[in-house]
Amino acid sequence: AQARREKDTAAAAAIGGLRRPTLAVWAVNLLARTRPD
């Protein structure tokens, strides 16, 4: 909504196309962010 208000259609499309991560994917993302080692 913010990107659309700013008339940034490319950002709105890129962000709007994102899917909510599954719990497993979120956990892997969290691990990679907090404990990359």
PDB file of all heavy atoms in Angstrom:
ATOM      1  N   ALA A   1       0.840  -1.206   0.000  1.00  0.00           N
ATOM      2  CA  ALA A   1       0.000   0.000   0.000  1.00  0.00           C
ATOM      3  C   ALA A   1       0.872   1.253   0.000  1.00  0.00           C
ATOM      4  O   ALA A   1       0.586   2.219  -0.728  1.00  0.00           O
ATOM      5  CB  ALA A   1      -0.941  -0.016   1.201  1.00  0.00           C
ATOM      6  N   GLN A   2       1.930   1.248   0.779  1.00  0.00           N
ATOM      7  CA  GLN A   2       2.836   2.396   0.822  1.00  0.00           C
ATOM      8  C   GLN A   2       3.507   2.614  -0.536  1.00  0.00           C
ATOM      9  O   GLN A   2       3.586   3.743  -1.027  1.00  0.00           O
ATOM     10  CB  GLN A   2       3.903   2.195   1.895  1.00  0.00           C
ATOM     11  CG  GLN A   2       4.909   3.323   1.970  1.00  0.00           C
ATOM     12  CD  GLN A   2       6.012   3.047   2.985  1.00  0.00           C
ATOM     13  OE1 GLN A   2       5.876   2.186   3.847  1.00  0.00           O
ATOM     14  NE2 GLN A   2       7.092   3.793   2.869  1.00  0.00           N
ATOM     15  N   ALA A   3       3.964   1.544  -1.150  1.00  0.00           N
ATOM     16  CA  ALA A   3       4.602   1.656  -2.468  1.00  0.00           C
ATOM     17  C   ALA A   3       3.622   2.198  -3.502  1.00  0.00           C
ATOM     18  O   ALA A   3       3.990   3.023  -4.348  1.00  0.00           O
ATOM     19  CB  ALA A   3       5.148   0.299  -2.902  1.00  0.00           C
ATOM     20  N   ARG A   4       2.384   1.769  -3.430  1.00  0.00           N
ATOM     21  CA  ARG A   4       1.369   2.274  -4.363  1.00  0.00           C
ATOM     22  C   ARG A   4       1.101   3.752  -4.137  1.00  0.00           C
ATOM     23  O   ARG A   4       0.943   4.512  -5.101  1.00  0.00           O
ATOM     24  CB  ARG A   4       0.090   1.460  -4.247  1.00  0.00           C
ATOM     25  CG  ARG A   4       0.231   0.086  -4.858  1.00  0.00           C
ATOM     26  CD  ARG A   4      -1.045  -0.707  -4.754  1.00  0.00           C
ATOM     27  NE  ARG A   4      -0.868  -2.015  -5.375  1.00  0.00           N
ATOM     28  CZ  ARG A   4      -1.521  -3.093  -5.024  1.00  0.00           C
ATOM     29  NH1 ARG A   4      -2.439  -3.055  -4.053  1.00  0.00           N
ATOM     30  NH2 ARG A   4      -1.289  -4.242  -5.629  1.00  0.00           N
ATOM     31  N   ARG A   5       1.049   4.167  -2.854  1.00  0.00           N
ATOM     32  CA  ARG A   5       0.855   5.591  -2.554  1.00  0.00           C
ATOM     33  C   ARG A   5       2.011   6.417  -3.111  1.00  0.00           C
ATOM     34  O   ARG A   5       1.816   7.540  -3.564  1.00  0.00           O
ATOM     35  CB  ARG A   5       0.736   5.820  -1.039  1.00  0.00           C
ATOM     36  CG  ARG A   5      -0.615   5.474  -0.456  1.00  0.00           C
ATOM     37  CD  ARG A   5      -0.773   5.996   0.964  1.00  0.00           C
ATOM     38  NE  ARG A   5       0.288   5.546   1.858  1.00  0.00           N
ATOM     39  CZ  ARG A   5       0.315   4.399   2.531  1.00  0.00           C
ATOM     40  NH1 ARG A   5      -0.693   3.553   2.407  1.00  0.00           N
ATOM     41  NH2 ARG A   5       1.319   4.098   3.335  1.00  0.00           N
ATOM     42  N   GLU A   6       3.206   5.840  -3.064  1.00  0.00           N
ATOM     43  CA  GLU A   6       4.393   6.522  -3.581  1.00  0.00           C
ATOM     44  C   GLU A   6       4.532   6.348  -5.097  1.00  0.00           C
ATOM     45  O   GLU A   6       5.509   6.804  -5.682  1.00  0.00           O
ATOM     46  CB  GLU A   6       5.639   5.987  -2.880  1.00  0.00           C
ATOM     47  CG  GLU A   6       5.684   6.300  -1.396  1.00  0.00           C
ATOM     48  CD  GLU A   6       6.830   5.608  -0.671  1.00  0.00           C
ATOM     49  OE1 GLU A   6       7.652   4.920  -1.314  1.00  0.00           O
ATOM     50  OE2 GLU A   6       6.904   5.764   0.567  1.00  0.00           O
ATOM     51  N   LYS A   7       3.579   5.662  -5.705  1.00  0.00           N
ATOM     52  CA  LYS A   7       3.567   5.388  -7.150  1.00  0.00           C
ATOM     53  C   LYS A   7       4.806   4.616  -7.607  1.00  0.00           C
ATOM     54  O   LYS A   7       5.283   4.776  -8.733  1.00  0.00           O
ATOM     55  CB  LYS A   7       3.414   6.691  -7.934  1.00  0.00           C
ATOM     56  CG  LYS A   7       2.189   7.494  -7.513  1.00  0.00           C
ATOM     57  CD  LYS A   7       1.533   8.150  -8.651  1.00  0.00           C
ATOM     58  CE  LYS A   7       0.380   9.037  -8.238  1.00  0.00           C
ATOM     59  NZ  LYS A   7      -0.646   8.439  -7.454  1.00  0.00           N
ATOM     60  N   ASP A   8       5.283   3.748  -6.724  1.00  0.00           N
ATOM     61  CA  ASP A   8       6.431   2.883  -7.033  1.00  0.00           C
ATOM     62  C   ASP A   8       5.873   1.515  -7.416  1.00  0.00           C
ATOM     63  O   ASP A   8       5.805   0.590  -6.607  1.00  0.00           O
ATOM     64  CB  ASP A   8       7.360   2.785  -5.823  1.00  0.00           C
ATOM     65  CG  ASP A   8       8.677   2.092  -6.133  1.00  0.00           C
ATOM     66  OD1 ASP A   8       8.764   1.406  -7.177  1.00  0.00           O
ATOM     67  OD2 ASP A   8       9.611   2.239  -5.323  1.00  0.00           O
ATOM     68  N   THR A   9       5.453   1.401  -8.676  1.00  0.00           N
ATOM     69  CA  THR A   9       4.782   0.182  -9.125  1.00  0.00           C
ATOM     70  C   THR A   9       5.718  -1.024  -9.136  1.00  0.00           C
ATOM     71  O   THR A   9       5.277  -2.141  -8.881  1.00  0.00           O
ATOM     72  CB  THR A   9       4.172   0.381 -10.527  1.00  0.00           C
ATOM     73  OG1 THR A   9       5.199   0.791 -11.426  1.00  0.00           O
ATOM     74  CG2 THR A   9       3.068   1.428 -10.495  1.00  0.00           C
ATOM     75  N   ALA A  10       6.998  -0.787  -9.402  1.00  0.00           N
ATOM     76  CA  ALA A  10       7.950  -1.911  -9.416  1.00  0.00           C
ATOM     77  C   ALA A  10       8.087  -2.500  -8.015  1.00  0.00           C
ATOM     78  O   ALA A  10       8.067  -3.728  -7.846  1.00  0.00           O
ATOM     79  CB  ALA A  10       9.309  -1.456  -9.945  1.00  0.00           C
ATOM     80  N   ALA A  11       8.219  -1.639  -7.016  1.00  0.00           N
ATOM     81  CA  ALA A  11       8.333  -2.132  -5.632  1.00  0.00           C
ATOM     82  C   ALA A  11       7.031  -2.798  -5.194  1.00  0.00           C
ATOM     83  O   ALA A  11       7.058  -3.853  -4.549  1.00  0.00           O
ATOM     84  CB  ALA A  11       8.696  -0.996  -4.688  1.00  0.00           C
ATOM     85  N   ALA A  12       5.902  -2.196  -5.551  1.00  0.00           N
ATOM     86  CA  ALA A  12       4.612  -2.778  -5.174  1.00  0.00           C
ATOM     87  C   ALA A  12       4.463  -4.179  -5.767  1.00  0.00           C
ATOM     88  O   ALA A  12       3.999  -5.105  -5.083  1.00  0.00           O
ATOM     89  CB  ALA A  12       3.466  -1.889  -5.633  1.00  0.00           C
ATOM     90  N   ALA A  13       4.882  -4.349  -7.008  1.00  0.00           N
ATOM     91  CA  ALA A  13       4.781  -5.662  -7.644  1.00  0.00           C
ATOM     92  C   ALA A  13       5.745  -6.658  -7.018  1.00  0.00           C
ATOM     93  O   ALA A  13       5.377  -7.814  -6.750  1.00  0.00           O
ATOM     94  CB  ALA A  13       5.059  -5.538  -9.142  1.00  0.00           C
ATOM     95  N   ALA A  14       6.975  -6.221  -6.753  1.00  0.00           N
ATOM     96  CA  ALA A  14       7.969  -7.127  -6.169  1.00  0.00           C
ATOM     97  C   ALA A  14       7.558  -7.570  -4.771  1.00  0.00           C
ATOM     98  O   ALA A  14       7.627  -8.761  -4.437  1.00  0.00           O
ATOM     99  CB  ALA A  14       9.333  -6.442  -6.120  1.00  0.00           C
ATOM    100  N   ILE A  15       7.100  -6.640  -3.982  1.00  0.00           N
ATOM    101  CA  ILE A  15       6.719  -6.950  -2.599  1.00  0.00           C
ATOM    102  C   ILE A  15       5.392  -7.704  -2.566  1.00  0.00           C
ATOM    103  O   ILE A  15       5.219  -8.667  -1.816  1.00  0.00           O
ATOM    104  CB  ILE A  15       6.659  -5.663  -1.754  1.00  0.00           C
ATOM    105  CG1 ILE A  15       8.063  -5.046  -1.666  1.00  0.00           C
ATOM    106  CG2 ILE A  15       6.090  -5.941  -0.371  1.00  0.00           C
ATOM    107  CD1 ILE A  15       8.082  -3.623  -1.175  1.00  0.00           C
ATOM    108  N   GLY A  16       4.462  -7.294  -3.404  1.00  0.00           N
ATOM    109  CA  GLY A  16       3.146  -7.936  -3.442  1.00  0.00           C
ATOM    110  C   GLY A  16       3.204  -9.388  -3.875  1.00  0.00           C
ATOM    111  O   GLY A  16       2.335 -10.183  -3.519  1.00  0.00           O
ATOM    112  N   GLY A  17       4.220  -9.751  -4.626  1.00  0.00           N
ATOM    113  CA  GLY A  17       4.349 -11.123  -5.094  1.00  0.00           C
ATOM    114  C   GLY A  17       4.992 -12.069  -4.091  1.00  0.00           C
ATOM    115  O   GLY A  17       5.093 -13.271  -4.343  1.00  0.00           O
ATOM    116  N   LEU A  18       5.401 -11.545  -2.950  1.00  0.00           N
ATOM    117  CA  LEU A  18       6.053 -12.398  -1.949  1.00  0.00           C
ATOM    118  C   LEU A  18       5.038 -13.290  -1.258  1.00  0.00           C
ATOM    119  O   LEU A  18       3.923 -12.870  -0.954  1.00  0.00           O
ATOM    120  CB  LEU A  18       6.758 -11.539  -0.899  1.00  0.00           C
ATOM    121  CG  LEU A  18       7.845 -10.607  -1.409  1.00  0.00           C
ATOM    122  CD1 LEU A  18       8.363  -9.740  -0.256  1.00  0.00           C
ATOM    123  CD2 LEU A  18       8.973 -11.391  -2.039  1.00  0.00           C
ATOM    124  N   ARG A  19       5.461 -14.512  -0.994  1.00  0.00           N
ATOM    125  CA  ARG A  19       4.602 -15.451  -0.267  1.00  0.00           C
ATOM    126  C   ARG A  19       5.070 -15.555   1.173  1.00  0.00           C
ATOM    127  O   ARG A  19       6.261 -15.460   1.458  1.00  0.00           O
ATOM    128  CB  ARG A  19       4.673 -16.823  -0.923  1.00  0.00           C
ATOM    129  CG  ARG A  19       4.108 -16.777  -2.345  1.00  0.00           C
ATOM    130  CD  ARG A  19       4.061 -18.120  -2.971  1.00  0.00           C
ATOM    131  NE  ARG A  19       3.206 -18.987  -2.165  1.00  0.00           N
ATOM    132  CZ  ARG A  19       3.193 -20.297  -2.269  1.00  0.00           C
ATOM    133  NH1 ARG A  19       3.973 -20.908  -3.123  1.00  0.00           N
ATOM    134  NH2 ARG A  19       2.396 -21.011  -1.515  1.00  0.00           N
ATOM    135  N   ARG A  20       4.131 -15.754   2.045  1.00  0.00           N
ATOM    136  CA  ARG A  20       4.458 -15.942   3.457  1.00  0.00           C
ATOM    137  C   ARG A  20       5.294 -17.207   3.591  1.00  0.00           C
ATOM    138  O   ARG A  20       4.955 -18.255   3.038  1.00  0.00           O
ATOM    139  CB  ARG A  20       3.184 -16.078   4.275  1.00  0.00           C
ATOM    140  CG  ARG A  20       3.440 -16.209   5.775  1.00  0.00           C
ATOM    141  CD  ARG A  20       2.147 -16.338   6.497  1.00  0.00           C
ATOM    142  NE  ARG A  20       1.531 -17.588   6.095  1.00  0.00           N
ATOM    143  CZ  ARG A  20       0.837 -18.372   6.892  1.00  0.00           C
ATOM    144  NH1 ARG A  20       0.620 -18.022   8.125  1.00  0.00           N
ATOM    145  NH2 ARG A  20       0.321 -19.490   6.451  1.00  0.00           N
ATOM    146  N   PRO A  21       6.400 -17.141   4.339  1.00  0.00           N
ATOM    147  CA  PRO A  21       7.241 -18.330   4.471  1.00  0.00           C
ATOM    148  C   PRO A  21       6.571 -19.381   5.357  1.00  0.00           C
ATOM    149  O   PRO A  21       5.846 -19.046   6.293  1.00  0.00           O
ATOM    150  CB  PRO A  21       8.514 -17.797   5.131  1.00  0.00           C
ATOM    151  CG  PRO A  21       8.074 -16.585   5.880  1.00  0.00           C
ATOM    152  CD  PRO A  21       6.949 -15.998   5.072  1.00  0.00           C
ATOM    153  N   THR A  22       6.848 -20.626   5.037  1.00  0.00           N
ATOM    154  CA  THR A  22       6.404 -21.697   5.925  1.00  0.00           C
ATOM    155  C   THR A  22       7.210 -21.596   7.210  1.00  0.00           C
ATOM    156  O   THR A  22       8.240 -20.914   7.266  1.00  0.00           O
ATOM    157  CB  THR A  22       6.641 -23.074   5.294  1.00  0.00           C
ATOM    158  OG1 THR A  22       8.059 -23.244   5.121  1.00  0.00           O
ATOM    159  CG2 THR A  22       5.914 -23.218   3.964  1.00  0.00           C
ATOM    160  N   LEU A  23       6.783 -22.293   8.221  1.00  0.00           N
ATOM    161  CA  LEU A  23       7.503 -22.267   9.484  1.00  0.00           C
ATOM    162  C   LEU A  23       8.927 -22.791   9.316  1.00  0.00           C
ATOM    163  O   LEU A  23       9.879 -22.237   9.874  1.00  0.00           O
ATOM    164  CB  LEU A  23       6.750 -23.094  10.533  1.00  0.00           C
ATOM    165  CG  LEU A  23       7.263 -22.996  11.959  1.00  0.00           C
ATOM    166  CD1 LEU A  23       7.295 -21.552  12.439  1.00  0.00           C
ATOM    167  CD2 LEU A  23       6.409 -23.846  12.873  1.00  0.00           C
ATOM    168  N   ALA A  24       9.095 -23.828   8.509  1.00  0.00           N
ATOM    169  CA  ALA A  24      10.429 -24.388   8.284  1.00  0.00           C
ATOM    170  C   ALA A  24      11.342 -23.383   7.582  1.00  0.00           C
ATOM    171  O   ALA A  24      12.502 -23.210   7.970  1.00  0.00           O
ATOM    172  CB  ALA A  24      10.331 -25.675   7.469  1.00  0.00           C
ATOM    173  N   VAL A  25      10.838 -22.709   6.562  1.00  0.00           N
ATOM    174  CA  VAL A  25      11.639 -21.715   5.850  1.00  0.00           C
ATOM    175  C   VAL A  25      11.977 -20.556   6.770  1.00  0.00           C
ATOM    176  O   VAL A  25      13.102 -20.045   6.772  1.00  0.00           O
ATOM    177  CB  VAL A  25      10.899 -21.229   4.586  1.00  0.00           C
ATOM    178  CG1 VAL A  25      11.583 -20.021   3.966  1.00  0.00           C
ATOM    179  CG2 VAL A  25      10.789 -22.360   3.581  1.00  0.00           C
ATOM    180  N   TRP A  26      11.018 -20.117   7.561  1.00  0.00           N
ATOM    181  CA  TRP A  26      11.261 -19.035   8.511  1.00  0.00           C
ATOM    182  C   TRP A  26      12.360 -19.435   9.497  1.00  0.00           C
ATOM    183  O   TRP A  26      13.253 -18.628   9.795  1.00  0.00           O
ATOM    184  CB  TRP A  26       9.979 -18.689   9.263  1.00  0.00           C
ATOM    185  CG  TRP A  26      10.212 -17.723  10.374  1.00  0.00           C
ATOM    186  CD1 TRP A  26      10.404 -16.379  10.276  1.00  0.00           C
ATOM    187  CD2 TRP A  26      10.292 -18.036  11.770  1.00  0.00           C
ATOM    188  NE1 TRP A  26      10.603 -15.841  11.526  1.00  0.00           N
ATOM    189  CE2 TRP A  26      10.534 -16.833  12.457  1.00  0.00           C
ATOM    190  CE3 TRP A  26      10.174 -19.222  12.492  1.00  0.00           C
ATOM    191  CZ2 TRP A  26      10.664 -16.784  13.836  1.00  0.00           C
ATOM    192  CZ3 TRP A  26      10.313 -19.168  13.864  1.00  0.00           C
ATOM    193  CH2 TRP A  26      10.550 -17.963  14.520  1.00  0.00           C
ATOM    194  N   ALA A  27      12.312 -20.670   9.980  1.00  0.00           N
ATOM    195  CA  ALA A  27      13.332 -21.130  10.929  1.00  0.00           C
ATOM    196  C   ALA A  27      14.723 -21.128  10.293  1.00  0.00           C
ATOM    197  O   ALA A  27      15.706 -20.731  10.924  1.00  0.00           O
ATOM    198  CB  ALA A  27      12.979 -22.526  11.449  1.00  0.00           C
ATOM    199  N   VAL A  28      14.814 -21.555   9.045  1.00  0.00           N
ATOM    200  CA  VAL A  28      16.102 -21.545   8.354  1.00  0.00           C
ATOM    201  C   VAL A  28      16.573 -20.107   8.150  1.00  0.00           C
ATOM    202  O   VAL A  28      17.756 -19.794   8.351  1.00  0.00           O
ATOM    203  CB  VAL A  28      16.007 -22.304   7.009  1.00  0.00           C
ATOM    204  CG1 VAL A  28      17.259 -22.095   6.176  1.00  0.00           C
ATOM    205  CG2 VAL A  28      15.769 -23.781   7.269  1.00  0.00           C
ATOM    206  N   ASN A  29      15.673 -19.216   7.754  1.00  0.00           N
ATOM    207  CA  ASN A  29      16.030 -17.802   7.617  1.00  0.00           C
ATOM    208  C   ASN A  29      16.538 -17.238   8.936  1.00  0.00           C
ATOM    209  O   ASN A  29      17.538 -16.513   8.973  1.00  0.00           O
ATOM    210  CB  ASN A  29      14.831 -16.972   7.150  1.00  0.00           C
ATOM    211  CG  ASN A  29      14.534 -17.122   5.690  1.00  0.00           C
ATOM    212  OD1 ASN A  29      15.373 -17.545   4.912  1.00  0.00           O
ATOM    213  ND2 ASN A  29      13.315 -16.777   5.303  1.00  0.00           N
ATOM    214  N   LEU A  30      15.844 -17.568  10.012  1.00  0.00           N
ATOM    215  CA  LEU A  30      16.241 -17.092  11.334  1.00  0.00           C
ATOM    216  C   LEU A  30      17.628 -17.609  11.700  1.00  0.00           C
ATOM    217  O   LEU A  30      18.473 -16.858  12.201  1.00  0.00           O
ATOM    218  CB  LEU A  30      15.209 -17.522  12.380  1.00  0.00           C
ATOM    219  CG  LEU A  30      15.447 -17.053  13.803  1.00  0.00           C
ATOM    220  CD1 LEU A  30      15.424 -15.529  13.881  1.00  0.00           C
ATOM    221  CD2 LEU A  30      14.391 -17.653  14.730  1.00  0.00           C
ATOM    222  N   LEU A  31      17.869 -18.873  11.444  1.00  0.00           N
ATOM    223  CA  LEU A  31      19.186 -19.450  11.723  1.00  0.00           C
ATOM    224  C   LEU A  31      20.262 -18.736  10.912  1.00  0.00           C
ATOM    225  O   LEU A  31      21.310 -18.369  11.445  1.00  0.00           O
ATOM    226  CB  LEU A  31      19.192 -20.947  11.411  1.00  0.00           C
ATOM    227  CG  LEU A  31      20.534 -21.651  11.587  1.00  0.00           C
ATOM    228  CD1 LEU A  31      20.942 -21.662  13.056  1.00  0.00           C
ATOM    229  CD2 LEU A  31      20.466 -23.057  11.030  1.00  0.00           C
ATOM    230  N   ALA A  32      20.009 -18.520   9.628  1.00  0.00           N
ATOM    231  CA  ALA A  32      21.000 -17.864   8.772  1.00  0.00           C
ATOM    232  C   ALA A  32      21.274 -16.432   9.219  1.00  0.00           C
ATOM    233  O   ALA A  32      22.405 -15.950   9.111  1.00  0.00           O
ATOM    234  CB  ALA A  32      20.521 -17.882   7.322  1.00  0.00           C
ATOM    235  N   ARG A  33      20.278 -15.760   9.764  1.00  0.00           N
ATOM    236  CA  ARG A  33      20.454 -14.381  10.219  1.00  0.00           C
ATOM    237  C   ARG A  33      21.158 -14.299  11.573  1.00  0.00           C
ATOM    238  O   ARG A  33      21.960 -13.394  11.786  1.00  0.00           O
ATOM    239  CB  ARG A  33      19.086 -13.698  10.363  1.00  0.00           C
ATOM    240  CG  ARG A  33      18.405 -13.404   9.075  1.00  0.00           C
ATOM    241  CD  ARG A  33      16.934 -13.059   9.349  1.00  0.00           C
ATOM    242  NE  ARG A  33      16.221 -12.767   8.145  1.00  0.00           N
ATOM    243  CZ  ARG A  33      15.974 -11.547   7.704  1.00  0.00           C
ATOM    244  NH1 ARG A  33      16.379 -10.497   8.388  1.00  0.00           N
ATOM    245  NH2 ARG A  33      15.322 -11.357   6.584  1.00  0.00           N
ATOM    246  N   THR A  34      20.808 -15.210  12.467  1.00  0.00           N
ATOM    247  CA  THR A  34      21.311 -15.098  13.834  1.00  0.00           C
ATOM    248  C   THR A  34      22.544 -15.940  14.102  1.00  0.00           C
ATOM    249  O   THR A  34      23.339 -15.607  14.980  1.00  0.00           O
ATOM    250  CB  THR A  34      20.214 -15.479  14.853  1.00  0.00           C
ATOM    251  OG1 THR A  34      19.818 -16.827  14.624  1.00  0.00           O
ATOM    252  CG2 THR A  34      19.029 -14.536  14.742  1.00  0.00           C
ATOM    253  N   ARG A  35      22.683 -17.056  13.405  1.00  0.00           N
ATOM    254  CA  ARG A  35      23.826 -17.947  13.609  1.00  0.00           C
ATOM    255  C   ARG A  35      24.359 -18.424  12.266  1.00  0.00           C
ATOM    256  O   ARG A  35      24.259 -19.601  11.921  1.00  0.00           O
ATOM    257  CB  ARG A  35      23.419 -19.153  14.463  1.00  0.00           C
ATOM    258  CG  ARG A  35      23.093 -18.861  15.921  1.00  0.00           C
ATOM    259  CD  ARG A  35      24.282 -18.302  16.700  1.00  0.00           C
ATOM    260  NE  ARG A  35      25.491 -19.100  16.618  1.00  0.00           N
ATOM    261  CZ  ARG A  35      25.813 -20.087  17.453  1.00  0.00           C
ATOM    262  NH1 ARG A  35      25.025 -20.388  18.451  1.00  0.00           N
ATOM    263  NH2 ARG A  35      26.927 -20.754  17.283  1.00  0.00           N
ATOM    264  N   PRO A  36      24.916 -17.505  11.485  1.00  0.00           N
ATOM    265  CA  PRO A  36      25.408 -17.912  10.163  1.00  0.00           C
ATOM    266  C   PRO A  36      26.478 -18.992  10.247  1.00  0.00           C
ATOM    267  O   PRO A  36      26.631 -19.792   9.323  1.00  0.00           O
ATOM    268  CB  PRO A  36      25.949 -16.606   9.563  1.00  0.00           C
ATOM    269  CG  PRO A  36      26.109 -15.675  10.695  1.00  0.00           C
ATOM    270  CD  PRO A  36      25.142 -16.104  11.758  1.00  0.00           C
ATOM    271  N   ASP A  37      27.195 -19.048  11.360  1.00  0.00           N
ATOM    272  CA  ASP A  37      28.211 -20.088  11.524  1.00  0.00           C
ATOM    273  C   ASP A  37      27.569 -21.472  11.551  1.00  0.00           C
ATOM    274  O   ASP A  37      28.059 -22.413  10.919  1.00  0.00           O
ATOM    275  CB  ASP A  37      29.032 -19.846  12.785  1.00  0.00           C
ATOM    276  CG  ASP A  37      28.168 -19.751  14.047  1.00  0.00           C
ATOM    277  OD1 ASP A  37      27.041 -19.181  13.976  1.00  0.00           O
ATOM    278  OD2 ASP A  37      28.602 -20.222  15.110  1.00  0.00           O
TER     279      ASP A  37
END
